[in-house]
Amino acid sequence: AQNGREALDLLRTHGGAADSPTYPALILLDLRMPTMDGFEFLRAYAQQAVAGPTSPVIIMLTSSLHPQDVARMQDLPIAGYLTKPLTAEKIRQVLQEHFGHPGGDN
């Protein structure tokens, strides 16, 4: 998705319920997006999502480690955050930490 609003629409139309096989296990969420930023997305997602054992892992992506942004992220329902640029190694670490496997070599 190009922005938070598109992501919400995709989750609604293609994701189905949180226990659906097409619902994402991982959401990489950019803090700064046009139309709807990561903070706005999380507020809207929390209103529509049904939490459960299959809720996706949400990782915030940011190029800013501004103390105010970090403080705001700590109060959000996210599993953590990664700084940009995003690398294959960072993705492998997320997969290992949250899903128990390191991911592919590609």
N, C-alpha and C. Protein backbone atom coordinates (compact mmCIF):
# COMPACT_ATOMS: atom_id res chain seq x y z
N ALA A 1 0.84 -1.18 0.00
CA ALA A 1 0.00 0.00 0.00
C ALA A 1 0.88 1.25 0.00
N GLN A 2 0.41 2.28 -0.63
CA GLN A 2 1.17 3.53 -0.73
C GLN A 2 0.98 4.44 0.47
N ASN A 3 -0.09 4.23 1.24
CA ASN A 3 -0.34 5.05 2.42
C ASN A 3 -1.22 4.27 3.39
N GLY A 4 -1.44 4.84 4.54
CA GLY A 4 -2.20 4.16 5.58
C GLY A 4 -3.64 3.87 5.20
N ARG A 5 -4.27 4.78 4.48
CA ARG A 5 -5.66 4.56 4.07
C ARG A 5 -5.76 3.37 3.12
N GLU A 6 -4.83 3.28 2.17
CA GLU A 6 -4.83 2.12 1.26
C GLU A 6 -4.59 0.83 2.04
N ALA A 7 -3.72 0.88 3.02
CA ALA A 7 -3.43 -0.31 3.83
C ALA A 7 -4.68 -0.77 4.58
N LEU A 8 -5.41 0.16 5.16
CA LEU A 8 -6.65 -0.20 5.85
C LEU A 8 -7.66 -0.81 4.88
N ASP A 9 -7.77 -0.23 3.70
CA ASP A 9 -8.69 -0.76 2.69
C ASP A 9 -8.29 -2.18 2.29
N LEU A 10 -6.98 -2.40 2.10
CA LEU A 10 -6.51 -3.74 1.74
C LEU A 10 -6.81 -4.75 2.85
N LEU A 11 -6.59 -4.35 4.09
CA LEU A 11 -6.88 -5.25 5.20
C LEU A 11 -8.36 -5.59 5.26
N ARG A 12 -9.21 -4.61 5.01
CA ARG A 12 -10.65 -4.83 5.03
C ARG A 12 -11.11 -5.74 3.89
N THR A 13 -10.63 -5.46 2.68
CA THR A 13 -11.15 -6.18 1.52
C THR A 13 -10.46 -7.51 1.25
N HIS A 14 -9.17 -7.62 1.55
CA HIS A 14 -8.44 -8.85 1.24
C HIS A 14 -8.01 -9.61 2.47
N GLY A 15 -7.98 -8.95 3.59
CA GLY A 15 -7.49 -9.61 4.80
C GLY A 15 -8.53 -10.46 5.48
N GLY A 16 -9.75 -9.97 5.52
CA GLY A 16 -10.78 -10.71 6.24
C GLY A 16 -10.55 -10.64 7.73
N ALA A 17 -10.94 -11.68 8.42
CA ALA A 17 -10.79 -11.74 9.88
C ALA A 17 -9.34 -12.04 10.24
N ALA A 18 -8.98 -11.73 11.48
CA ALA A 18 -7.61 -11.93 11.93
C ALA A 18 -7.18 -13.39 11.84
N ASP A 19 -8.12 -14.33 11.84
CA ASP A 19 -7.75 -15.74 11.73
C ASP A 19 -7.80 -16.25 10.29
N SER A 20 -8.02 -15.37 9.34
CA SER A 20 -8.06 -15.75 7.92
C SER A 20 -6.65 -16.07 7.43
N PRO A 21 -6.50 -17.06 6.54
CA PRO A 21 -5.17 -17.37 6.01
C PRO A 21 -4.59 -16.25 5.15
N THR A 22 -5.41 -15.30 4.70
CA THR A 22 -4.89 -14.19 3.90
C THR A 22 -4.57 -12.96 4.73
N TYR A 23 -4.82 -13.03 6.04
CA TYR A 23 -4.52 -11.88 6.90
C TYR A 23 -3.02 -11.85 7.15
N PRO A 24 -2.38 -10.69 7.10
CA PRO A 24 -0.92 -10.65 7.23
C PRO A 24 -0.43 -11.01 8.63
N ALA A 25 0.70 -11.70 8.69
CA ALA A 25 1.33 -12.02 9.96
C ALA A 25 2.22 -10.87 10.41
N LEU A 26 2.68 -10.07 9.45
CA LEU A 26 3.61 -8.98 9.72
C LEU A 26 3.17 -7.74 8.95
N ILE A 27 3.14 -6.61 9.64
CA ILE A 27 2.89 -5.32 9.00
C ILE A 27 4.10 -4.44 9.26
N LEU A 28 4.76 -4.01 8.17
CA LEU A 28 5.83 -3.03 8.26
C LEU A 28 5.19 -1.69 7.96
N LEU A 29 5.17 -0.83 8.96
CA LEU A 29 4.39 0.40 8.90
C LEU A 29 5.31 1.61 8.94
N ASP A 30 5.28 2.40 7.88
CA ASP A 30 6.10 3.61 7.82
C ASP A 30 5.47 4.69 8.70
N LEU A 31 6.29 5.30 9.52
CA LEU A 31 5.81 6.37 10.39
C LEU A 31 5.31 7.55 9.58
N ARG A 32 6.04 7.93 8.55
CA ARG A 32 5.70 9.10 7.74
C ARG A 32 5.20 8.66 6.37
N MET A 33 3.89 8.70 6.18
CA MET A 33 3.27 8.37 4.90
C MET A 33 2.34 9.51 4.51
N PRO A 34 2.11 9.67 3.20
CA PRO A 34 1.13 10.66 2.79
C PRO A 34 -0.28 10.19 3.13
N THR A 35 -1.21 11.09 3.17
CA THR A 35 -2.63 10.83 3.40
C THR A 35 -2.93 10.42 4.84
N MET A 36 -2.26 9.40 5.34
CA MET A 36 -2.49 8.91 6.70
C MET A 36 -1.16 8.37 7.21
N ASP A 37 -0.58 8.99 8.24
CA ASP A 37 0.72 8.53 8.73
C ASP A 37 0.56 7.29 9.61
N GLY A 38 1.68 6.77 10.07
CA GLY A 38 1.66 5.55 10.87
C GLY A 38 0.86 5.66 12.15
N PHE A 39 0.93 6.80 12.81
CA PHE A 39 0.17 7.01 14.05
C PHE A 39 -1.34 6.97 13.76
N GLU A 40 -1.75 7.67 12.69
CA GLU A 40 -3.17 7.69 12.32
C GLU A 40 -3.64 6.30 11.90
N PHE A 41 -2.79 5.59 11.15
CA PHE A 41 -3.14 4.23 10.75
C PHE A 41 -3.40 3.36 11.97
N LEU A 42 -2.52 3.42 12.97
CA LEU A 42 -2.69 2.58 14.15
C LEU A 42 -3.97 2.89 14.90
N ARG A 43 -4.33 4.16 14.99
CA ARG A 43 -5.60 4.51 15.64
C ARG A 43 -6.78 3.90 14.89
N ALA A 44 -6.78 4.06 13.57
CA ALA A 44 -7.88 3.52 12.76
C ALA A 44 -7.87 2.00 12.77
N TYR A 45 -6.70 1.40 12.70
CA TYR A 45 -6.58 -0.07 12.71
C TYR A 45 -7.10 -0.63 14.03
N ALA A 46 -6.77 0.02 15.13
CA ALA A 46 -7.21 -0.45 16.44
C ALA A 46 -8.74 -0.43 16.54
N GLN A 47 -9.37 0.51 15.88
CA GLN A 47 -10.83 0.60 15.92
C GLN A 47 -11.50 -0.49 15.10
N GLN A 48 -10.84 -0.96 14.04
CA GLN A 48 -11.47 -1.96 13.18
C GLN A 48 -10.96 -3.37 13.43
N ALA A 49 -9.79 -3.52 14.01
CA ALA A 49 -9.18 -4.84 14.16
C ALA A 49 -9.74 -5.58 15.37
N VAL A 50 -9.74 -6.88 15.24
CA VAL A 50 -10.12 -7.74 16.36
C VAL A 50 -8.84 -8.40 16.83
N ALA A 51 -8.39 -8.05 18.02
CA ALA A 51 -7.16 -8.63 18.54
C ALA A 51 -7.39 -10.09 18.88
N GLY A 52 -6.35 -10.87 18.74
CA GLY A 52 -6.44 -12.28 19.06
C GLY A 52 -5.09 -12.93 18.93
N PRO A 53 -5.06 -14.25 19.04
CA PRO A 53 -3.78 -14.95 18.99
C PRO A 53 -3.11 -14.84 17.63
N THR A 54 -3.85 -14.48 16.59
CA THR A 54 -3.27 -14.37 15.26
C THR A 54 -3.11 -12.92 14.82
N SER A 55 -3.16 -11.98 15.74
CA SER A 55 -2.97 -10.58 15.39
C SER A 55 -1.59 -10.39 14.77
N PRO A 56 -1.49 -9.55 13.75
CA PRO A 56 -0.19 -9.37 13.10
C PRO A 56 0.82 -8.66 14.00
N VAL A 57 2.08 -8.97 13.76
CA VAL A 57 3.18 -8.25 14.38
C VAL A 57 3.31 -6.94 13.60
N ILE A 58 3.29 -5.82 14.30
CA ILE A 58 3.41 -4.52 13.64
C ILE A 58 4.75 -3.90 14.03
N ILE A 59 5.56 -3.61 13.01
CA ILE A 59 6.86 -2.98 13.20
C ILE A 59 6.81 -1.61 12.52
N MET A 60 7.09 -0.57 13.27
CA MET A 60 7.10 0.79 12.73
C MET A 60 8.46 1.04 12.07
N LEU A 61 8.44 1.65 10.90
CA LEU A 61 9.65 2.05 10.19
C LEU A 61 9.79 3.55 10.30
N THR A 62 10.99 4.00 10.64
CA THR A 62 11.19 5.44 10.80
C THR A 62 12.61 5.83 10.40
N SER A 63 12.74 7.04 9.89
CA SER A 63 14.06 7.59 9.64
C SER A 63 14.43 8.57 10.75
N SER A 64 13.51 8.75 11.68
CA SER A 64 13.71 9.70 12.77
C SER A 64 13.79 8.98 14.10
N LEU A 65 14.79 9.30 14.86
CA LEU A 65 14.85 8.82 16.24
C LEU A 65 14.66 10.00 17.18
N HIS A 66 13.85 10.95 16.73
CA HIS A 66 13.53 12.10 17.55
C HIS A 66 12.90 11.59 18.84
N PRO A 67 13.34 12.08 20.00
CA PRO A 67 12.80 11.58 21.27
C PRO A 67 11.28 11.63 21.37
N GLN A 68 10.66 12.63 20.78
CA GLN A 68 9.20 12.73 20.81
C GLN A 68 8.56 11.57 20.04
N ASP A 69 9.11 11.23 18.87
CA ASP A 69 8.57 10.11 18.09
C ASP A 69 8.78 8.79 18.82
N VAL A 70 9.95 8.60 19.40
CA VAL A 70 10.24 7.37 20.14
C VAL A 70 9.28 7.24 21.32
N ALA A 71 9.03 8.33 22.03
CA ALA A 71 8.11 8.29 23.17
C ALA A 71 6.70 7.94 22.71
N ARG A 72 6.26 8.51 21.59
CA ARG A 72 4.92 8.19 21.07
C ARG A 72 4.82 6.72 20.66
N MET A 73 5.90 6.19 20.08
CA MET A 73 5.88 4.79 19.64
C MET A 73 5.80 3.83 20.82
N GLN A 74 6.36 4.20 21.95
CA GLN A 74 6.35 3.31 23.11
C GLN A 74 4.95 3.08 23.65
N ASP A 75 4.04 3.98 23.37
CA ASP A 75 2.66 3.85 23.85
C ASP A 75 1.73 3.20 22.82
N LEU A 76 2.29 2.73 21.71
CA LEU A 76 1.48 2.16 20.64
C LEU A 76 1.48 0.64 20.68
N PRO A 77 0.46 0.03 20.08
CA PRO A 77 0.40 -1.43 20.03
C PRO A 77 1.28 -1.99 18.90
N ILE A 78 2.58 -1.72 19.00
CA ILE A 78 3.52 -2.23 18.01
C ILE A 78 4.52 -3.13 18.72
N ALA A 79 5.13 -4.02 17.94
CA ALA A 79 6.11 -4.94 18.50
C ALA A 79 7.50 -4.32 18.57
N GLY A 80 7.68 -3.19 17.88
CA GLY A 80 8.97 -2.53 17.89
C GLY A 80 9.08 -1.58 16.71
N TYR A 81 10.29 -1.07 16.51
CA TYR A 81 10.50 -0.19 15.36
C TYR A 81 11.87 -0.45 14.78
N LEU A 82 12.01 -0.15 13.50
CA LEU A 82 13.27 -0.26 12.79
C LEU A 82 13.58 1.09 12.17
N THR A 83 14.86 1.41 12.11
CA THR A 83 15.26 2.65 11.45
C THR A 83 15.57 2.37 9.99
N LYS A 84 15.28 3.35 9.17
CA LYS A 84 15.61 3.27 7.75
C LYS A 84 17.07 3.67 7.58
N PRO A 85 17.72 3.17 6.57
CA PRO A 85 17.18 2.33 5.52
C PRO A 85 16.95 0.90 6.01
N LEU A 86 15.92 0.28 5.47
CA LEU A 86 15.59 -1.09 5.81
C LEU A 86 16.54 -2.01 5.04
N THR A 87 17.13 -2.96 5.74
CA THR A 87 18.07 -3.89 5.10
C THR A 87 17.58 -5.32 5.27
N ALA A 88 18.14 -6.22 4.48
CA ALA A 88 17.80 -7.64 4.59
C ALA A 88 18.13 -8.16 5.98
N GLU A 89 19.22 -7.70 6.56
CA GLU A 89 19.60 -8.14 7.91
C GLU A 89 18.56 -7.72 8.95
N LYS A 90 18.06 -6.51 8.84
CA LYS A 90 17.03 -6.06 9.78
C LYS A 90 15.77 -6.91 9.65
N ILE A 91 15.40 -7.24 8.42
CA ILE A 91 14.22 -8.09 8.20
C ILE A 91 14.46 -9.48 8.79
N ARG A 92 15.65 -10.04 8.57
CA ARG A 92 15.97 -11.36 9.15
C ARG A 92 15.85 -11.34 10.67
N GLN A 93 16.32 -10.27 11.29
CA GLN A 93 16.24 -10.16 12.75
C GLN A 93 14.79 -10.14 13.22
N VAL A 94 13.94 -9.40 12.52
CA VAL A 94 12.51 -9.34 12.87
C VAL A 94 11.88 -10.72 12.72
N LEU A 95 12.16 -11.40 11.61
CA LEU A 95 11.60 -12.73 11.39
C LEU A 95 12.05 -13.71 12.47
N GLN A 96 13.33 -13.66 12.81
CA GLN A 96 13.85 -14.54 13.85
C GLN A 96 13.20 -14.25 15.20
N GLU A 97 13.12 -12.99 15.55
CA GLU A 97 12.58 -12.61 16.86
C GLU A 97 11.10 -12.95 17.01
N HIS A 98 10.32 -12.71 15.97
CA HIS A 98 8.87 -12.84 16.11
C HIS A 98 8.28 -14.13 15.54
N PHE A 99 9.03 -14.79 14.66
CA PHE A 99 8.49 -15.99 14.02
C PHE A 99 9.39 -17.21 14.16
N GLY A 100 10.55 -17.02 14.77
CA GLY A 100 11.43 -18.15 15.05
C GLY A 100 12.20 -18.69 13.86
N HIS A 101 12.27 -17.94 12.78
CA HIS A 101 13.10 -18.37 11.66
C HIS A 101 13.78 -17.16 11.04
N PRO A 102 14.95 -17.36 10.47
CA PRO A 102 15.73 -16.22 9.98
C PRO A 102 15.33 -15.67 8.63
N GLY A 103 14.47 -16.31 7.90
CA GLY A 103 14.13 -15.83 6.56
C GLY A 103 15.11 -16.35 5.54
N GLY A 104 14.89 -16.01 4.29
CA GLY A 104 15.74 -16.51 3.22
C GLY A 104 17.01 -15.70 3.07
N ASP A 105 17.84 -16.16 2.14
CA ASP A 105 19.11 -15.47 1.88
C ASP A 105 18.95 -14.39 0.82
N ASN A 106 17.79 -14.26 0.22
CA ASN A 106 17.59 -13.29 -0.87
C ASN A 106 17.18 -11.97 -0.32
